[in-house]
């Protein structure tokens, strides 16, 4: 009997070892699949400071590709469109991750017509091209539009976050941009996690511009011991260079069809950004203002309170009438009502925190939080239409779990919650 049990145990151990080896091999193979090649990959569109007349595209190749090009043409219904395409040479940046060296390419297409559909492609100018990808410029004046908002993707990106992206695209196929509220990945120095993020979001961001905020997990300590952003950030996102000095492409703004979108970096230089934001919003020509960053003003999880962020930025939000603030970090869905730092509600701001990935938190929320939902993956569909801004918080299956509408009439602002 003992011999039989020992034999059985040896078989079990052998099977377990084989399974572990197979799992490791699959893990390594998947990561090896994220190595760069001559073909463009990790293609991401982003808005410039003039979204009615231009947009940017970034992509990655191996270092064997020393030059990159973008081609663009106004879309037609026939197959001969590429004869009229014009070519723009890309800027090329060499960078190195834990998976080795790569080249990042970026191009900005300028001089475009407002509210017009184009086709673009990127490549080496010879044989290694992407497909022709449709892209629509912004209208030159305020018009209704929809955009998406995702909280932290962070963990199990390929296996669990990808389904949220697919459902978001099914729900809002005409979305004009997608906000990511930081912690897109978990480990700032692991390029394979960025490979997962790009694989999961590729179908979205080739046509729907990304507007990311940088989170604490995109920061780490370099060889010199100083805390700094991941080397992947700037090569893979061509974002406007109109923020506070020293925070290039982690603090920026875009005016889009009647909304001023502002990305803040809640990891550093809080006071400098407060002064910059106050000046930026003093003469804001847009009907709506949406600000997004990683660490919430009002936390929705145990043991969290970003007091420094709240003290630095909420007075500016109150003074300048910010309508909506979008955050991540706490791995719950949580929202306030229209609130002000002085306890009032008139002209107040709606604060929303959300999570789109698989990492979840529990705990007591800040008293300002009116609605909280835990252990659920979310994406948000937000619609701006004249005097109304509507947000739907949808689960990974597309069900509406919470919604609200903010209506502005004259100088008054009113909340209609579900």
Protein backbone atom coordinates (compact mmCIF):
# COMPACT_ATOMS: atom_id res chain seq x y z
CA UNK A 1 0.00 0.00 0.00
CA UNK A 2 2.81 2.40 0.95
CA UNK A 3 4.61 1.66 -2.33
CA UNK A 4 1.45 2.34 -4.31
CA UNK A 5 0.88 5.63 -2.51
CA UNK A 6 4.51 6.67 -3.03
CA UNK A 7 4.28 5.79 -6.71
CA UNK A 8 1.06 7.76 -6.97
CA UNK A 9 2.62 10.75 -5.21
CA UNK A 10 5.64 10.64 -7.53
CA UNK A 11 3.32 10.63 -10.52
CA UNK A 12 1.42 13.61 -9.04
CA UNK A 13 4.63 15.54 -8.38
CA UNK A 14 5.85 14.78 -11.88
CA UNK A 15 2.57 15.95 -13.38
CA UNK A 16 2.63 19.11 -11.26
CA UNK A 17 6.20 19.85 -12.30
CA UNK A 18 5.31 19.36 -15.95
CA UNK A 19 2.28 21.62 -15.56
CA UNK A 20 4.39 24.29 -13.84
CA UNK A 21 7.02 24.05 -16.55
CA UNK A 22 4.36 24.30 -19.24
CA UNK A 23 2.86 27.32 -17.50
CA UNK A 24 6.26 29.00 -17.24
CA UNK A 25 6.98 28.24 -20.89
CA UNK A 26 3.62 29.71 -21.91
CA UNK A 27 4.31 32.81 -19.77
CA UNK A 28 7.76 33.26 -21.29
CA UNK A 29 6.46 32.60 -24.79
CA UNK A 30 3.68 35.15 -24.38
CA UNK A 31 6.21 37.73 -23.17
CA UNK A 32 8.61 36.84 -25.98
CA UNK A 33 5.70 37.61 -28.30
CA UNK A 34 5.90 41.24 -27.17
CA UNK A 35 9.40 41.73 -28.60
CA UNK A 36 9.56 44.40 -31.31
CA UNK A 37 9.97 43.57 -34.99
CA UNK A 38 10.15 45.43 -38.29
CA UNK A 39 6.35 45.60 -38.37
CA UNK A 40 4.71 48.53 -36.53
CA UNK A 41 3.04 47.54 -33.28
CA UNK A 42 1.66 49.32 -30.19
CA UNK A 43 -0.04 51.85 -32.47
CA UNK A 44 -1.72 54.59 -30.42
CA UNK A 45 -3.48 57.75 -31.57
CA UNK A 46 -3.61 60.85 -29.37
CA UNK A 47 -5.17 64.28 -29.72
CA UNK A 48 -2.99 67.34 -30.11
CA UNK A 49 -3.84 70.81 -28.82
CA UNK A 50 -5.74 71.34 -32.11
CA UNK A 51 -7.97 68.26 -32.49
CA UNK A 52 -10.03 69.74 -35.34
CA UNK A 53 -6.95 70.04 -37.54
CA UNK A 54 -4.45 67.43 -36.34
CA UNK A 55 -3.76 64.23 -34.43
CA UNK A 56 -0.68 62.21 -33.49
CA UNK A 57 0.26 58.54 -33.83
CA UNK A 58 2.98 56.60 -32.04
CA UNK A 59 4.20 53.10 -32.77
CA UNK A 60 7.11 50.79 -31.99
CA UNK A 61 9.56 48.76 -34.08
CA UNK A 62 12.83 46.97 -33.60
CA UNK A 63 16.03 48.98 -33.91
CA UNK A 64 16.48 47.54 -37.42
CA UNK A 65 13.95 50.18 -38.58
CA UNK A 66 15.85 53.47 -38.52
CA UNK A 67 13.18 55.62 -40.21
CA UNK A 68 9.43 55.73 -39.88
CA UNK A 69 6.69 57.36 -41.91
CA UNK A 70 3.00 58.08 -41.65
CA UNK A 71 0.70 58.39 -44.64
CA UNK A 72 -2.74 59.98 -44.59
CA UNK A 73 -5.56 60.53 -47.07
CA UNK A 74 -9.17 61.64 -46.91
CA UNK A 75 -11.35 58.53 -46.85
CA UNK A 76 -13.30 57.50 -49.93
CA UNK A 77 -15.63 54.60 -50.74
CA UNK A 78 -13.39 53.22 -53.49
CA UNK A 79 -10.11 51.27 -53.23
CA UNK A 80 -7.89 53.79 -55.00
CA UNK A 81 -7.68 56.23 -52.09
CA UNK A 82 -3.99 55.67 -51.40
CA UNK A 83 -2.97 57.30 -54.69
CA UNK A 84 -3.76 60.66 -53.07
CA UNK A 85 -2.02 59.93 -49.77
CA UNK A 86 0.63 62.28 -48.47
CA UNK A 87 3.63 61.11 -46.48
CA UNK A 88 5.09 62.58 -43.27
CA UNK A 89 8.41 61.47 -41.80
CA UNK A 90 8.26 60.42 -38.17
CA UNK A 91 10.47 61.38 -35.26
CA UNK A 92 12.43 58.32 -34.06
CA UNK A 93 13.49 57.75 -30.45
CA UNK A 94 15.66 54.89 -29.22
CA UNK A 95 14.76 53.52 -25.80
CA UNK A 96 15.52 50.37 -23.85
CA UNK A 97 13.39 48.28 -21.52
CA UNK A 98 13.97 45.03 -19.65
CA UNK A 99 13.10 43.27 -22.93
CA UNK A 100 15.87 45.06 -24.82
CA UNK A 101 16.20 48.04 -27.18
CA UNK A 102 13.46 49.36 -29.44
CA UNK A 103 12.62 52.35 -31.60
CA UNK A 104 9.60 54.53 -30.89
CA UNK A 105 8.18 56.45 -33.84
CA UNK A 106 5.80 59.39 -33.67
CA UNK A 107 4.14 61.51 -36.32
CA UNK A 108 1.64 64.36 -36.18
CA UNK A 109 -0.71 64.83 -39.12
CA UNK A 110 -1.49 68.54 -39.49
CA UNK A 111 -3.54 70.76 -41.78
CA UNK A 112 -6.57 68.46 -41.66
CA UNK A 113 -10.22 69.36 -42.18
CA UNK A 114 -12.56 69.46 -39.17
CA UNK A 115 -15.11 66.66 -38.67
CA UNK A 116 -13.65 64.67 -41.56
CA UNK A 117 -12.87 60.96 -41.88
CA UNK A 118 -9.33 60.10 -42.90
CA UNK A 119 -7.37 56.92 -43.43
CA UNK A 120 -3.81 56.64 -42.16
CA UNK A 121 -1.08 54.04 -41.98
CA UNK A 122 2.39 53.90 -40.44
CA UNK A 123 5.49 51.98 -41.38
CA UNK A 124 9.02 52.00 -42.70
CA UNK A 125 8.17 53.56 -46.06
CA UNK A 126 8.81 50.32 -47.91
CA UNK A 127 7.23 46.96 -47.11
CA UNK A 128 6.52 47.01 -43.38
CA UNK A 129 3.26 48.96 -43.08
CA UNK A 130 0.26 48.82 -40.81
CA UNK A 131 -3.17 48.46 -42.36
CA UNK A 132 -5.05 51.60 -43.42
CA UNK A 133 -6.89 52.77 -40.29
CA UNK A 134 -9.93 55.11 -40.20
CA UNK A 135 -9.77 58.25 -38.05
CA UNK A 136 -12.14 61.21 -37.67
CA UNK A 137 -11.02 64.70 -36.71
CA UNK A 138 -12.90 66.80 -34.18
CA UNK A 139 -15.50 69.37 -35.10
CA UNK A 140 -14.29 72.97 -34.99
CA UNK A 141 -17.15 74.03 -32.68
CA UNK A 142 -19.04 72.46 -29.77
CA UNK A 143 -20.97 69.37 -30.84
CA UNK A 144 -22.39 66.40 -28.89
CA UNK A 145 -19.98 63.52 -28.39
CA UNK A 146 -19.29 60.46 -26.24
CA UNK A 147 -16.08 59.47 -24.51
CA UNK A 148 -14.89 56.55 -22.37
CA UNK A 149 -13.24 56.54 -18.95
CA UNK A 150 -11.33 53.63 -17.40
CA UNK A 151 -9.97 53.32 -13.88
CA UNK A 152 -6.87 51.22 -13.15
CA UNK A 153 -6.22 48.28 -15.50
CA UNK A 154 -3.03 47.31 -13.62
CA UNK A 155 -3.24 43.52 -13.10
CA UNK A 156 -4.36 40.56 -15.23
CA UNK A 157 -4.40 43.04 -18.07
CA UNK A 158 -4.50 40.60 -20.97
CA UNK A 159 -6.77 38.04 -19.36
CA UNK A 160 -9.28 40.22 -17.45
CA UNK A 161 -9.01 43.85 -18.53
CA UNK A 162 -9.31 43.07 -22.25
CA UNK A 163 -12.95 42.01 -21.87
CA UNK A 164 -13.82 45.41 -20.39
CA UNK A 165 -12.28 47.15 -23.40
CA UNK A 166 -14.23 44.93 -25.80
CA UNK A 167 -17.50 45.62 -24.01
CA UNK A 168 -16.78 49.35 -23.97
CA UNK A 169 -16.22 49.32 -27.74
CA UNK A 170 -19.44 47.39 -28.27
CA UNK A 171 -21.33 49.84 -26.07
CA UNK A 172 -19.84 53.08 -27.42
CA UNK A 173 -18.34 52.37 -30.85
CA UNK A 174 -18.43 56.06 -31.74
CA UNK A 175 -16.45 57.24 -28.70
CA UNK A 176 -14.09 60.10 -29.57
CA UNK A 177 -11.47 59.59 -26.85
CA UNK A 178 -10.67 57.31 -23.90
CA UNK A 179 -9.40 58.56 -20.54
CA UNK A 180 -7.21 56.25 -18.44
CA UNK A 181 -6.91 57.39 -14.82
CA UNK A 182 -3.45 55.97 -14.11
CA UNK A 183 -1.94 52.60 -13.13
CA UNK A 184 -2.32 51.24 -16.62
CA UNK A 185 0.21 48.58 -15.60
CA UNK A 186 1.51 47.18 -12.30
CA UNK A 187 5.32 47.32 -12.51
CA UNK A 188 6.86 50.36 -14.14
CA UNK A 189 9.93 48.48 -15.41
CA UNK A 190 8.17 45.47 -16.96
CA UNK A 191 7.75 46.04 -20.69
CA UNK A 192 5.73 42.83 -21.11
CA UNK A 193 2.93 44.40 -19.05
CA UNK A 194 2.84 47.25 -21.54
CA UNK A 195 2.70 44.57 -24.22
CA UNK A 196 -0.44 43.21 -22.56
CA UNK A 197 -1.95 46.69 -22.27
CA UNK A 198 -1.39 47.44 -25.94
CA UNK A 199 -2.66 44.02 -27.00
CA UNK A 200 -5.85 44.53 -25.00
CA UNK A 201 -6.48 48.08 -26.22
CA UNK A 202 -5.08 47.96 -29.76
CA UNK A 203 -8.45 47.83 -31.51
CA UNK A 204 -9.55 50.87 -29.52
CA UNK A 205 -6.57 53.20 -29.66
CA UNK A 206 -5.77 52.91 -33.33
CA UNK A 207 -8.89 55.02 -33.96
CA UNK A 208 -9.97 56.34 -30.54
CA UNK A 209 -7.29 58.60 -29.05
CA UNK A 210 -5.87 57.72 -25.63
CA UNK A 211 -5.77 60.40 -22.94
CA UNK A 212 -3.85 58.82 -20.05
CA UNK A 213 -3.03 60.16 -16.61
CA UNK A 214 0.08 58.76 -14.97
CA UNK A 215 -0.31 56.69 -11.80
CA UNK A 216 2.01 55.70 -8.98
CA UNK A 217 2.63 52.28 -10.58
CA UNK A 218 4.08 54.05 -13.62
CA UNK A 219 6.76 55.42 -11.29
CA UNK A 220 9.84 53.65 -9.93
CA UNK A 221 13.37 54.36 -8.78
CA UNK A 222 16.08 54.54 -11.40
CA UNK A 223 19.71 53.56 -11.01
CA UNK A 224 20.45 56.98 -9.50
CA UNK A 225 17.87 56.32 -6.77
CA UNK A 226 15.51 59.09 -7.88
CA UNK A 227 11.83 58.32 -8.39
CA UNK A 228 10.92 58.74 -12.06
CA UNK A 229 8.29 57.69 -14.61
CA UNK A 230 8.63 54.51 -16.62
CA UNK A 231 10.82 54.76 -19.72
CA UNK A 232 7.80 53.55 -21.73
CA UNK A 233 5.58 56.57 -21.03
CA UNK A 234 6.82 59.29 -23.37
CA UNK A 235 7.87 57.02 -26.28
CA UNK A 236 4.42 55.42 -26.50
CA UNK A 237 2.14 58.47 -25.99
CA UNK A 238 2.53 61.68 -28.05
CA UNK A 239 0.66 64.05 -25.74
CA UNK A 240 0.42 67.86 -25.83
CA UNK A 241 3.43 69.72 -24.44
CA UNK A 242 1.34 72.45 -22.83
CA UNK A 243 1.52 71.55 -19.12
CA UNK A 244 3.63 72.72 -16.21
CA UNK A 245 7.41 72.70 -16.70
CA UNK A 246 9.07 69.43 -15.76
CA UNK A 247 5.89 67.37 -16.20
CA UNK A 248 5.93 67.03 -19.98
CA UNK A 249 3.25 64.64 -21.28
CA UNK A 250 2.05 63.80 -17.77
CA UNK A 251 0.29 67.16 -17.30
CA UNK A 252 -1.51 68.60 -20.34
CA UNK A 253 -4.86 69.80 -21.68
CA UNK A 254 -7.01 69.39 -24.79
CA UNK A 255 -10.04 71.45 -25.84
CA UNK A 256 -12.48 69.16 -27.62
CA UNK A 257 -15.90 70.19 -28.96
CA UNK A 258 -16.86 72.37 -26.00
CA UNK A 259 -14.99 70.52 -23.22
CA UNK A 260 -11.65 71.40 -21.69
CA UNK A 261 -9.97 68.12 -20.69
CA UNK A 262 -7.11 68.52 -18.20
CA UNK A 263 -4.69 65.76 -17.16
CA UNK A 264 -2.87 66.31 -13.86
CA UNK A 265 0.03 64.32 -12.38
CA UNK A 266 -0.87 63.56 -8.76
CA UNK A 267 2.52 61.99 -8.03
CA UNK A 268 4.62 65.17 -7.84
CA UNK A 269 4.74 68.98 -8.13
CA UNK A 270 1.21 69.46 -6.75
CA UNK A 271 1.57 73.15 -5.92
CA UNK A 272 3.12 73.98 -9.29
CA UNK A 273 0.19 72.29 -11.05
CA UNK A 274 -2.32 74.11 -8.85
CA UNK A 275 -0.93 77.48 -9.98
CA UNK A 276 -0.81 76.31 -13.60
CA UNK A 277 -4.41 75.02 -13.45
CA UNK A 278 -5.69 78.20 -11.85
CA UNK A 279 -4.23 80.26 -14.70
CA UNK A 280 -5.46 77.80 -17.33
CA UNK A 281 -9.07 77.84 -16.14
CA UNK A 282 -9.27 81.57 -15.43
CA UNK A 283 -10.22 82.22 -19.07
CA UNK A 284 -11.75 78.95 -20.18
CA UNK A 285 -13.92 79.36 -23.31
CA UNK A 286 -15.49 75.90 -23.00
CA UNK A 287 -18.90 75.06 -21.56
CA UNK A 288 -17.57 72.06 -19.61
CA UNK A 289 -14.37 71.25 -17.69
CA UNK A 290 -13.27 67.68 -17.00
CA UNK A 291 -10.13 67.05 -14.94
CA UNK A 292 -8.56 63.61 -14.51
CA UNK A 293 -5.66 62.25 -12.47
CA UNK A 294 -4.81 59.18 -10.43
CA UNK A 295 -5.15 59.76 -6.66
CA UNK A 296 -8.75 60.60 -5.60
CA UNK A 297 -9.74 63.75 -3.79
CA UNK A 298 -12.22 61.59 -1.81
CA UNK A 299 -11.04 58.04 -1.23
CA UNK A 300 -13.28 55.00 -1.46
CA UNK A 301 -11.13 52.37 0.28
CA UNK A 302 -9.69 51.56 3.70
CA UNK A 303 -6.71 53.51 4.97
CA UNK A 304 -6.56 55.98 2.08
CA UNK A 305 -6.75 59.74 2.23
CA UNK A 306 -4.91 61.92 -0.27
CA UNK A 307 -4.99 65.02 1.88
CA UNK A 308 -2.14 66.80 0.09
CA UNK A 309 -3.85 66.40 -3.28
CA UNK A 310 -7.18 67.61 -1.87
CA UNK A 311 -5.66 70.64 -0.15
CA UNK A 312 -3.67 71.63 -3.23
CA UNK A 313 -6.29 71.17 -5.93
CA UNK A 314 -9.83 71.27 -4.57
CA UNK A 315 -9.75 75.05 -3.94
CA UNK A 316 -8.89 75.53 -7.61
CA UNK A 317 -11.70 73.19 -8.67
CA UNK A 318 -14.12 75.19 -6.51
CA UNK A 319 -12.89 78.59 -7.66
CA UNK A 320 -12.90 77.73 -11.36
CA UNK A 321 -16.11 75.70 -11.45
CA UNK A 322 -14.69 72.32 -12.54
CA UNK A 323 -17.62 70.08 -13.43
CA UNK A 324 -16.23 66.54 -13.28
CA UNK A 325 -13.12 64.96 -11.75
CA UNK A 326 -12.18 61.40 -12.74
CA UNK A 327 -9.78 59.26 -10.69
CA UNK A 328 -8.42 55.74 -10.14
CA UNK A 329 -6.13 54.25 -7.46
CA UNK A 330 -8.73 52.95 -4.99
CA UNK A 331 -10.00 49.92 -7.00
CA UNK A 332 -13.68 50.58 -6.29
CA UNK A 333 -16.42 52.54 -8.01
CA UNK A 334 -17.25 55.58 -5.89
CA UNK A 335 -18.86 58.95 -6.55
CA UNK A 336 -19.96 62.00 -4.62
CA UNK A 337 -22.73 64.45 -5.35
CA UNK A 338 -21.88 67.98 -6.46
CA UNK A 339 -19.62 69.08 -3.61
CA UNK A 340 -17.36 71.94 -2.61
CA UNK A 341 -14.52 72.11 -0.11
CA UNK A 342 -16.51 74.52 2.06
CA UNK A 343 -19.36 72.01 2.38
CA UNK A 344 -21.64 73.75 -0.09
CA UNK A 345 -23.05 72.35 -3.32
CA UNK A 346 -23.73 75.40 -5.51
CA UNK A 347 -21.44 75.25 -8.50
CA UNK A 348 -19.86 72.13 -6.99
CA UNK A 349 -17.86 69.36 -8.62
CA UNK A 350 -18.74 65.70 -9.18
CA UNK A 351 -15.91 63.36 -8.15
CA UNK A 352 -15.82 59.82 -9.58
CA UNK A 353 -13.36 57.02 -8.86
CA UNK A 354 -13.43 53.77 -10.82
CA UNK A 355 -11.58 50.52 -11.55
CA UNK A 356 -11.48 48.55 -14.78
CA UNK A 357 -8.96 45.82 -13.96
CA UNK A 358 -9.00 42.79 -11.66
CA UNK A 359 -7.46 44.25 -8.48
CA UNK A 360 -10.15 45.10 -5.91
CA UNK A 361 -10.23 46.89 -2.53
CA UNK A 362 -12.58 47.01 0.47
CA UNK A 363 -12.99 49.39 3.36
CA UNK A 364 -14.77 52.48 4.59
CA UNK A 365 -15.21 55.32 2.12
CA UNK A 366 -14.81 59.05 2.74
CA UNK A 367 -18.03 60.64 4.07
CA UNK A 368 -18.39 62.67 0.87
CA UNK A 369 -18.92 59.45 -1.14
CA UNK A 370 -22.61 58.92 -1.85
CA UNK A 371 -22.48 55.79 -4.04
CA UNK A 372 -19.97 52.97 -3.77
CA UNK A 373 -19.76 49.59 -5.53
CA UNK A 374 -17.00 47.09 -4.79
CA UNK A 375 -15.55 43.98 -6.42
CA UNK A 376 -16.78 44.93 -9.89
CA UNK A 377 -14.93 45.81 -13.08
CA UNK A 378 -16.23 48.99 -14.72
CA UNK A 379 -16.00 51.21 -17.73
CA UNK A 380 -17.78 54.55 -17.97
CA UNK A 381 -19.61 55.99 -20.98
CA UNK A 382 -19.86 59.77 -20.75
CA UNK A 383 -21.99 61.88 -23.09
CA UNK A 384 -21.72 65.65 -23.50
CA UNK A 385 -24.67 67.25 -25.27
CA UNK A 386 -25.11 70.99 -24.96
CA UNK A 387 -26.19 71.82 -21.41
CA UNK A 388 -26.10 68.20 -20.20
CA UNK A 389 -23.32 65.80 -19.22
CA UNK A 390 -24.37 62.20 -18.57
CA UNK A 391 -22.27 59.41 -17.07
CA UNK A 392 -23.14 55.71 -17.11
CA UNK A 393 -21.00 53.39 -14.99
CA UNK A 394 -21.24 50.01 -16.71
CA UNK A 395 -19.99 46.68 -15.45
CA UNK A 396 -17.77 44.29 -17.40
CA UNK A 397 -20.98 42.72 -18.77
CA UNK A 398 -22.27 46.10 -19.91
CA UNK A 399 -24.94 46.50 -17.22
CA UNK A 400 -25.63 50.03 -15.94
CA UNK A 401 -24.78 50.01 -12.23
CA UNK A 402 -24.94 53.76 -11.65
CA UNK A 403 -25.68 56.86 -13.67
CA UNK A 404 -26.15 60.58 -13.25
CA UNK A 405 -26.71 63.71 -15.30
CA UNK A 406 -25.38 67.21 -14.67
CA UNK A 407 -27.44 69.98 -16.24
CA UNK A 408 -26.20 73.55 -16.58
CA UNK A 409 -28.64 76.41 -17.11
CA UNK A 410 -27.12 79.87 -17.09
CA UNK A 411 -24.89 80.00 -14.03
CA UNK A 412 -26.67 77.19 -12.17
CA UNK A 413 -25.68 73.53 -12.10
CA UNK A 414 -28.06 70.72 -11.15
CA UNK A 415 -27.46 67.02 -10.54
CA UNK A 416 -29.95 64.36 -11.54
CA UNK A 417 -28.81 61.02 -10.09
CA UNK A 418 -30.24 57.59 -10.83
